[in-house]
N, C-alpha and C. Protein backbone atom coordinates (compact mmCIF):
# COMPACT_ATOMS: atom_id res chain seq x y z
N MET A 1 -5.82 -19.77 21.05
CA MET A 1 -5.32 -19.38 19.76
C MET A 1 -6.44 -19.55 18.73
N GLU A 2 -6.58 -18.57 17.82
CA GLU A 2 -7.62 -18.61 16.81
C GLU A 2 -7.31 -19.67 15.77
N GLN A 3 -8.34 -20.43 15.42
CA GLN A 3 -8.19 -21.48 14.41
C GLN A 3 -8.17 -20.85 13.02
N PRO A 4 -7.34 -21.39 12.11
CA PRO A 4 -7.35 -20.85 10.75
C PRO A 4 -8.69 -21.12 10.07
N ALA A 5 -9.02 -20.25 9.13
CA ALA A 5 -10.27 -20.43 8.39
C ALA A 5 -10.21 -21.72 7.59
N PRO A 6 -11.34 -22.41 7.46
CA PRO A 6 -11.34 -23.61 6.64
C PRO A 6 -10.95 -23.24 5.20
N PRO A 7 -10.32 -24.16 4.48
CA PRO A 7 -9.87 -23.84 3.13
C PRO A 7 -10.98 -23.32 2.22
N LEU A 8 -12.18 -23.87 2.31
CA LEU A 8 -13.27 -23.41 1.44
C LEU A 8 -13.63 -21.96 1.73
N ALA A 9 -13.63 -21.57 2.99
CA ALA A 9 -13.93 -20.18 3.34
C ALA A 9 -12.82 -19.25 2.83
N THR A 10 -11.58 -19.70 2.95
CA THR A 10 -10.45 -18.91 2.46
C THR A 10 -10.54 -18.74 0.95
N ILE A 11 -10.82 -19.82 0.25
CA ILE A 11 -10.93 -19.79 -1.21
C ILE A 11 -12.10 -18.89 -1.63
N ALA A 12 -13.22 -19.03 -0.97
CA ALA A 12 -14.40 -18.21 -1.30
C ALA A 12 -14.10 -16.72 -1.15
N ALA A 13 -13.51 -16.37 -0.02
CA ALA A 13 -13.18 -14.96 0.22
C ALA A 13 -12.15 -14.44 -0.78
N ALA A 14 -11.16 -15.27 -1.09
CA ALA A 14 -10.12 -14.85 -2.04
C ALA A 14 -10.70 -14.66 -3.44
N LEU A 15 -11.56 -15.57 -3.87
CA LEU A 15 -12.17 -15.43 -5.19
C LEU A 15 -13.00 -14.16 -5.29
N ARG A 16 -13.79 -13.90 -4.29
CA ARG A 16 -14.63 -12.70 -4.27
C ARG A 16 -13.76 -11.44 -4.28
N ARG A 17 -12.73 -11.43 -3.41
CA ARG A 17 -11.83 -10.27 -3.30
C ARG A 17 -11.12 -10.01 -4.63
N GLU A 18 -10.56 -11.05 -5.22
CA GLU A 18 -9.79 -10.87 -6.46
C GLU A 18 -10.69 -10.54 -7.64
N ARG A 19 -11.88 -11.08 -7.67
CA ARG A 19 -12.81 -10.75 -8.75
C ARG A 19 -13.24 -9.29 -8.65
N GLU A 20 -13.53 -8.83 -7.43
CA GLU A 20 -13.90 -7.43 -7.24
C GLU A 20 -12.74 -6.50 -7.55
N ARG A 21 -11.53 -6.92 -7.15
CA ARG A 21 -10.34 -6.11 -7.46
C ARG A 21 -10.17 -5.97 -8.97
N ALA A 22 -10.44 -7.05 -9.71
CA ALA A 22 -10.31 -7.03 -11.17
C ALA A 22 -11.47 -6.28 -11.83
N GLY A 23 -12.54 -6.05 -11.07
CA GLY A 23 -13.68 -5.31 -11.61
C GLY A 23 -14.47 -6.07 -12.65
N ILE A 24 -14.59 -7.39 -12.45
CA ILE A 24 -15.35 -8.20 -13.41
C ILE A 24 -16.49 -8.91 -12.72
N SER A 25 -17.50 -9.22 -13.49
CA SER A 25 -18.68 -9.90 -12.95
C SER A 25 -18.40 -11.39 -12.75
N LEU A 26 -19.30 -12.02 -12.02
CA LEU A 26 -19.24 -13.46 -11.82
C LEU A 26 -19.31 -14.18 -13.17
N ALA A 27 -20.22 -13.73 -14.03
CA ALA A 27 -20.39 -14.36 -15.34
C ALA A 27 -19.12 -14.21 -16.18
N GLU A 28 -18.50 -13.03 -16.14
CA GLU A 28 -17.30 -12.79 -16.94
C GLU A 28 -16.13 -13.65 -16.45
N LEU A 29 -15.96 -13.75 -15.13
CA LEU A 29 -14.88 -14.60 -14.62
C LEU A 29 -15.12 -16.06 -14.99
N ALA A 30 -16.35 -16.51 -14.87
CA ALA A 30 -16.68 -17.90 -15.24
C ALA A 30 -16.34 -18.13 -16.71
N ARG A 31 -16.69 -17.19 -17.57
CA ARG A 31 -16.39 -17.32 -19.00
C ARG A 31 -14.90 -17.41 -19.24
N ARG A 32 -14.13 -16.50 -18.61
CA ARG A 32 -12.68 -16.46 -18.80
C ARG A 32 -12.00 -17.74 -18.31
N ALA A 33 -12.54 -18.31 -17.24
CA ALA A 33 -11.94 -19.52 -16.65
C ALA A 33 -12.49 -20.80 -17.26
N GLY A 34 -13.50 -20.68 -18.11
CA GLY A 34 -14.09 -21.87 -18.73
C GLY A 34 -14.92 -22.69 -17.76
N LEU A 35 -15.59 -22.02 -16.83
CA LEU A 35 -16.43 -22.69 -15.83
C LEU A 35 -17.88 -22.28 -15.99
N ALA A 36 -18.77 -23.08 -15.45
CA ALA A 36 -20.18 -22.69 -15.38
C ALA A 36 -20.32 -21.59 -14.33
N LYS A 37 -21.19 -20.63 -14.60
CA LYS A 37 -21.43 -19.55 -13.65
C LYS A 37 -21.92 -20.11 -12.31
N SER A 38 -22.73 -21.16 -12.34
CA SER A 38 -23.25 -21.77 -11.11
C SER A 38 -22.11 -22.38 -10.28
N THR A 39 -21.11 -22.95 -10.96
CA THR A 39 -19.95 -23.52 -10.25
C THR A 39 -19.19 -22.42 -9.53
N LEU A 40 -18.95 -21.33 -10.23
CA LEU A 40 -18.23 -20.21 -9.62
C LEU A 40 -19.04 -19.60 -8.48
N SER A 41 -20.34 -19.51 -8.66
CA SER A 41 -21.20 -18.97 -7.61
C SER A 41 -21.10 -19.83 -6.35
N GLN A 42 -21.08 -21.14 -6.52
CA GLN A 42 -20.94 -22.05 -5.37
C GLN A 42 -19.58 -21.86 -4.70
N LEU A 43 -18.52 -21.70 -5.50
CA LEU A 43 -17.18 -21.50 -4.92
C LEU A 43 -17.12 -20.22 -4.11
N GLU A 44 -17.71 -19.14 -4.64
CA GLU A 44 -17.70 -17.88 -3.89
C GLU A 44 -18.57 -17.95 -2.64
N ALA A 45 -19.54 -18.85 -2.64
CA ALA A 45 -20.39 -19.04 -1.46
C ALA A 45 -19.74 -19.99 -0.45
N GLY A 46 -18.62 -20.60 -0.84
CA GLY A 46 -17.93 -21.51 0.06
C GLY A 46 -18.54 -22.89 0.11
N THR A 47 -19.38 -23.23 -0.88
CA THR A 47 -20.04 -24.54 -0.87
C THR A 47 -19.52 -25.47 -1.94
N GLY A 48 -18.67 -25.00 -2.83
CA GLY A 48 -18.14 -25.85 -3.89
C GLY A 48 -16.97 -26.68 -3.39
N ASN A 49 -16.48 -27.54 -4.26
CA ASN A 49 -15.34 -28.38 -3.95
C ASN A 49 -14.36 -28.30 -5.13
N PRO A 50 -13.57 -27.22 -5.19
CA PRO A 50 -12.75 -26.99 -6.37
C PRO A 50 -11.53 -27.90 -6.46
N SER A 51 -11.21 -28.28 -7.69
CA SER A 51 -9.98 -29.04 -7.92
C SER A 51 -8.83 -28.04 -8.10
N ILE A 52 -7.62 -28.55 -8.07
CA ILE A 52 -6.45 -27.72 -8.32
C ILE A 52 -6.56 -27.08 -9.70
N GLU A 53 -7.00 -27.85 -10.68
CA GLU A 53 -7.12 -27.33 -12.04
C GLU A 53 -8.12 -26.17 -12.12
N THR A 54 -9.22 -26.30 -11.40
CA THR A 54 -10.23 -25.23 -11.38
C THR A 54 -9.64 -23.97 -10.78
N LEU A 55 -8.96 -24.12 -9.64
CA LEU A 55 -8.36 -22.94 -9.00
C LEU A 55 -7.26 -22.35 -9.87
N TRP A 56 -6.52 -23.21 -10.54
CA TRP A 56 -5.45 -22.73 -11.40
C TRP A 56 -6.03 -21.89 -12.54
N SER A 57 -7.10 -22.37 -13.15
CA SER A 57 -7.71 -21.62 -14.26
C SER A 57 -8.32 -20.31 -13.76
N LEU A 58 -8.86 -20.31 -12.56
CA LEU A 58 -9.39 -19.07 -11.98
C LEU A 58 -8.26 -18.07 -11.71
N GLY A 59 -7.13 -18.57 -11.20
CA GLY A 59 -5.98 -17.70 -10.97
C GLY A 59 -5.49 -17.06 -12.26
N VAL A 60 -5.41 -17.88 -13.31
CA VAL A 60 -4.98 -17.36 -14.61
C VAL A 60 -5.97 -16.31 -15.11
N ALA A 61 -7.26 -16.59 -15.00
CA ALA A 61 -8.28 -15.66 -15.47
C ALA A 61 -8.26 -14.35 -14.68
N LEU A 62 -7.88 -14.42 -13.41
CA LEU A 62 -7.81 -13.23 -12.56
C LEU A 62 -6.45 -12.54 -12.63
N GLY A 63 -5.46 -13.23 -13.20
CA GLY A 63 -4.12 -12.66 -13.27
C GLY A 63 -3.41 -12.65 -11.92
N VAL A 64 -3.69 -13.66 -11.10
CA VAL A 64 -3.07 -13.76 -9.77
C VAL A 64 -2.44 -15.14 -9.61
N PRO A 65 -1.43 -15.25 -8.76
CA PRO A 65 -0.85 -16.57 -8.50
C PRO A 65 -1.87 -17.50 -7.82
N PHE A 66 -1.73 -18.78 -8.06
CA PHE A 66 -2.55 -19.81 -7.43
C PHE A 66 -2.57 -19.61 -5.91
N SER A 67 -1.39 -19.31 -5.34
CA SER A 67 -1.28 -19.20 -3.88
C SER A 67 -2.19 -18.13 -3.31
N ARG A 68 -2.48 -17.08 -4.06
CA ARG A 68 -3.33 -16.01 -3.54
C ARG A 68 -4.75 -16.49 -3.32
N LEU A 69 -5.13 -17.57 -4.00
CA LEU A 69 -6.49 -18.09 -3.85
C LEU A 69 -6.63 -19.09 -2.71
N VAL A 70 -5.53 -19.63 -2.21
CA VAL A 70 -5.62 -20.66 -1.18
C VAL A 70 -4.96 -20.27 0.14
N GLU A 71 -4.16 -19.23 0.15
CA GLU A 71 -3.51 -18.81 1.40
C GLU A 71 -4.48 -18.02 2.25
N PRO A 72 -4.48 -18.25 3.55
CA PRO A 72 -5.31 -17.43 4.42
C PRO A 72 -4.83 -15.97 4.35
N PRO A 73 -5.73 -15.02 4.50
CA PRO A 73 -5.33 -13.62 4.44
C PRO A 73 -4.42 -13.24 5.61
N ALA A 74 -3.61 -12.23 5.38
CA ALA A 74 -2.75 -11.71 6.45
C ALA A 74 -3.64 -11.11 7.53
N PRO A 75 -3.14 -11.03 8.75
CA PRO A 75 -3.96 -10.45 9.82
C PRO A 75 -4.40 -9.04 9.45
N GLN A 76 -5.62 -8.68 9.83
CA GLN A 76 -6.13 -7.35 9.52
C GLN A 76 -5.51 -6.29 10.40
N VAL A 77 -5.09 -6.66 11.59
CA VAL A 77 -4.49 -5.69 12.50
C VAL A 77 -3.01 -5.98 12.61
N ARG A 78 -2.21 -4.98 12.31
CA ARG A 78 -0.75 -5.10 12.40
C ARG A 78 -0.26 -3.91 13.21
N VAL A 79 0.52 -4.16 14.23
CA VAL A 79 1.02 -3.09 15.10
C VAL A 79 2.52 -2.94 14.90
N LEU A 80 2.94 -1.72 14.72
CA LEU A 80 4.35 -1.37 14.66
C LEU A 80 4.57 -0.32 15.73
N ARG A 81 5.28 -0.67 16.77
CA ARG A 81 5.49 0.23 17.90
C ARG A 81 6.47 1.35 17.53
N ALA A 82 6.31 2.48 18.20
CA ALA A 82 7.20 3.62 17.97
C ALA A 82 8.65 3.17 18.09
N GLY A 83 9.47 3.57 17.13
CA GLY A 83 10.88 3.21 17.14
C GLY A 83 11.18 1.91 16.44
N GLU A 84 10.14 1.14 16.04
CA GLU A 84 10.36 -0.10 15.31
C GLU A 84 10.28 0.19 13.81
N GLY A 85 10.73 -0.76 13.03
CA GLY A 85 10.67 -0.62 11.58
C GLY A 85 12.00 -0.16 11.02
N PRO A 86 12.21 -0.37 9.73
CA PRO A 86 13.48 0.02 9.11
C PRO A 86 13.61 1.55 9.04
N ARG A 87 14.69 2.06 9.63
CA ARG A 87 14.93 3.51 9.66
C ARG A 87 16.03 3.85 8.68
N LEU A 88 15.78 4.83 7.85
CA LEU A 88 16.72 5.26 6.83
C LEU A 88 17.11 6.70 7.10
N ARG A 89 18.42 6.99 7.08
CA ARG A 89 18.93 8.33 7.38
C ARG A 89 19.43 8.97 6.10
N ALA A 90 19.17 10.28 5.95
CA ALA A 90 19.68 11.03 4.81
C ALA A 90 21.17 11.29 5.00
N GLU A 91 21.88 11.44 3.90
CA GLU A 91 23.32 11.67 3.95
C GLU A 91 23.68 13.10 4.36
N SER A 92 22.94 14.09 3.82
CA SER A 92 23.38 15.48 4.00
C SER A 92 22.42 16.33 4.82
N ALA A 93 21.42 15.74 5.46
CA ALA A 93 20.48 16.50 6.27
C ALA A 93 20.12 15.67 7.50
N ASP A 94 19.68 16.36 8.55
CA ASP A 94 19.23 15.67 9.75
C ASP A 94 17.79 15.22 9.49
N PHE A 95 17.68 14.15 8.72
CA PHE A 95 16.40 13.65 8.22
C PHE A 95 16.42 12.13 8.35
N MET A 96 15.36 11.59 8.94
CA MET A 96 15.25 10.15 9.09
C MET A 96 13.85 9.73 8.70
N ALA A 97 13.71 8.64 7.96
CA ALA A 97 12.40 8.12 7.57
C ALA A 97 12.31 6.67 8.02
N THR A 98 11.16 6.32 8.58
CA THR A 98 10.89 4.96 9.01
C THR A 98 9.76 4.41 8.16
N LEU A 99 10.02 3.31 7.48
CA LEU A 99 9.00 2.67 6.66
C LEU A 99 8.01 1.96 7.58
N LEU A 100 6.74 2.37 7.49
CA LEU A 100 5.69 1.74 8.29
C LEU A 100 5.00 0.63 7.53
N ALA A 101 4.76 0.85 6.24
CA ALA A 101 4.10 -0.16 5.43
C ALA A 101 4.45 0.06 3.97
N ALA A 102 4.81 -1.02 3.31
CA ALA A 102 5.10 -0.96 1.88
C ALA A 102 3.84 -1.36 1.12
N GLY A 103 3.66 -0.77 -0.02
CA GLY A 103 2.51 -1.09 -0.84
C GLY A 103 2.61 -2.48 -1.44
N SER A 104 1.47 -3.05 -1.72
CA SER A 104 1.44 -4.34 -2.38
C SER A 104 1.41 -4.10 -3.89
N THR A 105 1.32 -5.15 -4.65
CA THR A 105 1.27 -4.99 -6.10
C THR A 105 -0.01 -4.29 -6.54
N HIS A 106 -1.05 -4.31 -5.70
CA HIS A 106 -2.31 -3.68 -6.07
C HIS A 106 -2.49 -2.32 -5.41
N ALA A 107 -1.87 -2.08 -4.30
CA ALA A 107 -1.94 -0.79 -3.61
C ALA A 107 -0.54 -0.21 -3.62
N ARG A 108 -0.25 0.51 -4.67
CA ARG A 108 1.11 1.00 -4.86
C ARG A 108 1.31 2.27 -4.04
N ARG A 109 1.59 2.06 -2.77
CA ARG A 109 1.87 3.17 -1.88
C ARG A 109 2.73 2.67 -0.73
N ASP A 110 3.55 3.57 -0.23
CA ASP A 110 4.39 3.28 0.92
C ASP A 110 4.06 4.32 1.98
N LEU A 111 4.16 3.93 3.25
CA LEU A 111 3.83 4.81 4.36
C LEU A 111 5.06 4.98 5.25
N TYR A 112 5.43 6.24 5.54
CA TYR A 112 6.62 6.54 6.33
C TYR A 112 6.29 7.52 7.45
N VAL A 113 7.12 7.50 8.48
CA VAL A 113 7.19 8.58 9.46
C VAL A 113 8.52 9.26 9.22
N MET A 114 8.50 10.58 9.05
CA MET A 114 9.72 11.35 8.83
C MET A 114 10.03 12.15 10.09
N GLU A 115 11.29 12.12 10.49
CA GLU A 115 11.75 12.92 11.63
C GLU A 115 12.81 13.87 11.10
N LEU A 116 12.65 15.18 11.37
CA LEU A 116 13.55 16.18 10.82
C LEU A 116 13.98 17.17 11.90
N GLU A 117 15.17 17.68 11.77
CA GLU A 117 15.66 18.73 12.65
C GLU A 117 16.12 19.91 11.78
N PRO A 118 16.02 21.13 12.32
CA PRO A 118 16.47 22.30 11.56
C PRO A 118 17.94 22.16 11.14
N GLY A 119 18.29 22.81 10.06
CA GLY A 119 19.65 22.75 9.53
C GLY A 119 19.58 22.57 8.04
N GLN A 120 20.36 21.65 7.54
CA GLN A 120 20.39 21.39 6.10
C GLN A 120 19.07 20.77 5.63
N ALA A 121 18.52 21.31 4.54
CA ALA A 121 17.29 20.75 3.97
C ALA A 121 17.59 19.42 3.29
N ARG A 122 16.61 18.56 3.24
CA ARG A 122 16.72 17.26 2.56
C ARG A 122 16.32 17.46 1.10
N GLN A 123 17.29 17.36 0.20
CA GLN A 123 17.04 17.49 -1.24
C GLN A 123 16.74 16.10 -1.79
N ALA A 124 15.58 15.94 -2.38
CA ALA A 124 15.18 14.64 -2.92
C ALA A 124 15.14 14.70 -4.44
N ASP A 125 15.76 13.73 -5.07
CA ASP A 125 15.68 13.62 -6.52
C ASP A 125 14.28 13.16 -6.91
N ALA A 126 13.95 13.30 -8.18
CA ALA A 126 12.67 12.84 -8.68
C ALA A 126 12.57 11.32 -8.50
N HIS A 127 11.38 10.87 -8.10
CA HIS A 127 11.11 9.44 -7.96
C HIS A 127 10.58 8.90 -9.29
N ILE A 128 10.11 7.67 -9.30
CA ILE A 128 9.62 7.08 -10.54
C ILE A 128 8.45 7.92 -11.09
N PRO A 129 8.24 7.88 -12.41
CA PRO A 129 7.16 8.68 -13.02
C PRO A 129 5.81 8.43 -12.36
N HIS A 130 5.05 9.49 -12.23
CA HIS A 130 3.69 9.50 -11.68
C HIS A 130 3.64 9.29 -10.17
N SER A 131 4.78 9.42 -9.48
CA SER A 131 4.76 9.35 -8.01
C SER A 131 4.10 10.62 -7.46
N VAL A 132 3.36 10.44 -6.38
CA VAL A 132 2.72 11.57 -5.70
C VAL A 132 3.03 11.42 -4.22
N GLU A 133 3.40 12.53 -3.58
CA GLU A 133 3.67 12.51 -2.14
C GLU A 133 2.53 13.21 -1.40
N HIS A 134 2.13 12.61 -0.28
CA HIS A 134 1.11 13.17 0.61
C HIS A 134 1.77 13.30 1.98
N VAL A 135 1.74 14.48 2.56
CA VAL A 135 2.42 14.72 3.84
C VAL A 135 1.45 15.38 4.82
N VAL A 136 1.42 14.85 6.05
CA VAL A 136 0.68 15.47 7.15
C VAL A 136 1.69 15.73 8.26
N VAL A 137 1.79 16.98 8.69
CA VAL A 137 2.72 17.33 9.76
C VAL A 137 2.07 16.99 11.10
N ALA A 138 2.80 16.28 11.94
CA ALA A 138 2.30 15.90 13.26
C ALA A 138 2.79 16.86 14.34
N ALA A 139 4.06 17.30 14.24
CA ALA A 139 4.63 18.20 15.24
C ALA A 139 5.70 19.06 14.57
N GLY A 140 5.88 20.26 15.09
CA GLY A 140 6.90 21.16 14.57
C GLY A 140 6.40 21.92 13.34
N ARG A 141 7.36 22.43 12.57
CA ARG A 141 7.05 23.17 11.35
C ARG A 141 7.93 22.63 10.24
N LEU A 142 7.39 22.62 9.04
CA LEU A 142 8.06 21.99 7.91
C LEU A 142 7.85 22.82 6.65
N ARG A 143 8.90 22.94 5.84
CA ARG A 143 8.79 23.50 4.50
C ARG A 143 9.01 22.33 3.55
N ALA A 144 8.05 22.11 2.65
CA ALA A 144 8.14 20.95 1.77
C ALA A 144 7.51 21.26 0.43
N GLY A 145 7.93 20.50 -0.58
CA GLY A 145 7.32 20.59 -1.89
C GLY A 145 8.34 20.58 -2.99
N PRO A 146 7.86 20.70 -4.22
CA PRO A 146 8.76 20.74 -5.36
C PRO A 146 9.65 21.98 -5.30
N VAL A 147 10.85 21.86 -5.83
CA VAL A 147 11.77 22.99 -5.85
C VAL A 147 11.06 24.17 -6.53
N GLY A 148 11.07 25.32 -5.86
CA GLY A 148 10.43 26.53 -6.39
C GLY A 148 8.97 26.65 -6.03
N GLU A 149 8.38 25.63 -5.42
CA GLU A 149 6.96 25.67 -5.05
C GLU A 149 6.73 25.16 -3.64
N THR A 150 7.71 25.32 -2.76
CA THR A 150 7.56 24.80 -1.40
C THR A 150 6.53 25.61 -0.62
N VAL A 151 5.96 24.96 0.37
CA VAL A 151 4.99 25.60 1.26
C VAL A 151 5.41 25.33 2.69
N GLU A 152 5.00 26.21 3.58
CA GLU A 152 5.29 26.06 5.00
C GLU A 152 4.08 25.44 5.68
N LEU A 153 4.34 24.43 6.52
CA LEU A 153 3.27 23.67 7.15
C LEU A 153 3.47 23.59 8.66
N GLY A 154 2.37 23.51 9.38
CA GLY A 154 2.40 23.32 10.83
C GLY A 154 1.62 22.08 11.20
N PRO A 155 1.51 21.78 12.50
CA PRO A 155 0.82 20.58 12.95
C PRO A 155 -0.59 20.47 12.38
N GLY A 156 -0.89 19.31 11.81
CA GLY A 156 -2.21 19.06 11.23
C GLY A 156 -2.33 19.47 9.78
N ASP A 157 -1.38 20.24 9.26
CA ASP A 157 -1.44 20.67 7.86
C ASP A 157 -1.09 19.51 6.93
N TYR A 158 -1.69 19.54 5.76
CA TYR A 158 -1.51 18.50 4.74
C TYR A 158 -1.09 19.15 3.43
N VAL A 159 -0.17 18.49 2.72
CA VAL A 159 0.22 18.93 1.38
C VAL A 159 0.39 17.69 0.51
N THR A 160 0.09 17.85 -0.76
CA THR A 160 0.36 16.80 -1.73
C THR A 160 1.04 17.46 -2.91
N PHE A 161 1.98 16.74 -3.52
CA PHE A 161 2.70 17.29 -4.66
C PHE A 161 3.32 16.16 -5.46
N PRO A 162 3.68 16.45 -6.72
CA PRO A 162 4.33 15.42 -7.54
C PRO A 162 5.66 15.00 -6.92
N GLY A 163 5.86 13.71 -6.83
CA GLY A 163 7.13 13.20 -6.32
C GLY A 163 8.10 12.86 -7.43
N ASP A 164 7.65 13.03 -8.68
CA ASP A 164 8.52 12.71 -9.82
C ASP A 164 9.25 13.92 -10.36
N VAL A 165 9.38 14.94 -9.50
CA VAL A 165 10.20 16.11 -9.79
C VAL A 165 11.09 16.35 -8.57
N PRO A 166 12.23 17.04 -8.72
CA PRO A 166 13.06 17.31 -7.53
C PRO A 166 12.24 18.10 -6.49
N HIS A 167 12.41 17.71 -5.23
CA HIS A 167 11.67 18.35 -4.15
C HIS A 167 12.52 18.34 -2.89
N HIS A 168 12.04 19.06 -1.88
CA HIS A 168 12.81 19.03 -0.64
C HIS A 168 11.93 19.17 0.60
N TYR A 169 12.55 18.79 1.71
CA TYR A 169 11.96 18.87 3.03
C TYR A 169 12.92 19.63 3.92
N GLU A 170 12.38 20.58 4.69
CA GLU A 170 13.22 21.34 5.60
C GLU A 170 12.47 21.58 6.91
N ALA A 171 13.06 21.14 8.02
CA ALA A 171 12.46 21.38 9.33
C ALA A 171 12.68 22.83 9.70
N LEU A 172 11.65 23.49 10.21
CA LEU A 172 11.74 24.88 10.64
C LEU A 172 11.67 25.00 12.16
N ALA A 173 11.49 23.86 12.83
CA ALA A 173 11.43 23.84 14.29
C ALA A 173 12.01 22.51 14.77
N PRO A 174 12.62 22.51 15.96
CA PRO A 174 13.14 21.25 16.51
C PRO A 174 12.00 20.25 16.74
N GLY A 175 12.32 18.97 16.63
CA GLY A 175 11.35 17.92 16.91
C GLY A 175 10.25 17.80 15.86
N THR A 176 10.52 18.23 14.65
CA THR A 176 9.51 18.14 13.60
C THR A 176 9.37 16.69 13.15
N TRP A 177 8.14 16.26 13.00
CA TRP A 177 7.91 14.96 12.41
C TRP A 177 6.59 14.97 11.65
N ALA A 178 6.54 14.12 10.64
CA ALA A 178 5.38 14.10 9.75
C ALA A 178 5.17 12.69 9.21
N VAL A 179 3.99 12.44 8.71
CA VAL A 179 3.67 11.18 8.06
C VAL A 179 3.66 11.43 6.55
N LEU A 180 4.34 10.55 5.83
CA LEU A 180 4.43 10.63 4.38
C LEU A 180 3.81 9.39 3.75
N VAL A 181 2.91 9.59 2.82
CA VAL A 181 2.40 8.51 2.00
C VAL A 181 2.93 8.75 0.59
N MET A 182 3.72 7.81 0.10
CA MET A 182 4.26 7.86 -1.25
C MET A 182 3.38 7.00 -2.12
N GLU A 183 2.71 7.62 -3.07
CA GLU A 183 1.78 6.92 -3.95
C GLU A 183 2.46 6.75 -5.31
N HIS A 184 2.42 5.55 -5.84
CA HIS A 184 3.00 5.26 -7.15
C HIS A 184 1.88 4.88 -8.09
N ARG A 185 1.53 5.78 -8.97
CA ARG A 185 0.37 5.56 -9.87
C ARG A 185 0.77 4.80 -11.09
């Protein structure tokens, strides 16, 4: 079994990751947290010995919870086998979506596999403002897009369109399935 990273290595990686995510320099973060730049540099190098108060002030300066600076990162590899995951069925169409991954607070996107059969089209109401849908057809044929602007797609085809307007999905062949990335800007 793999040993967890030592706390200093976890803290160093988290500080670097969150500082880069915030788009600020080492000097700027040190200023915001009320620390010497050399102290912060040592912490990011994994050689410092931070107190709770130091980490707390860094979390506040970065706008992240304290826990994000001390928790080991989630595994980089996550496997979801076919047929696993929460499956959601449409009420009026032969349409099923499986959530593969939900976005975090920093990566506002959700990833789904959609399974569709010919028949009734799936009518979708507008999602939250600035939503964008990205669809890649894996098998079958699909008509998708905003009402009045739908396009026909085949295996390997990609479409993107605003998700904050009414739109629909319609399978044109049996066994149609596609990958959907819902982006929330």
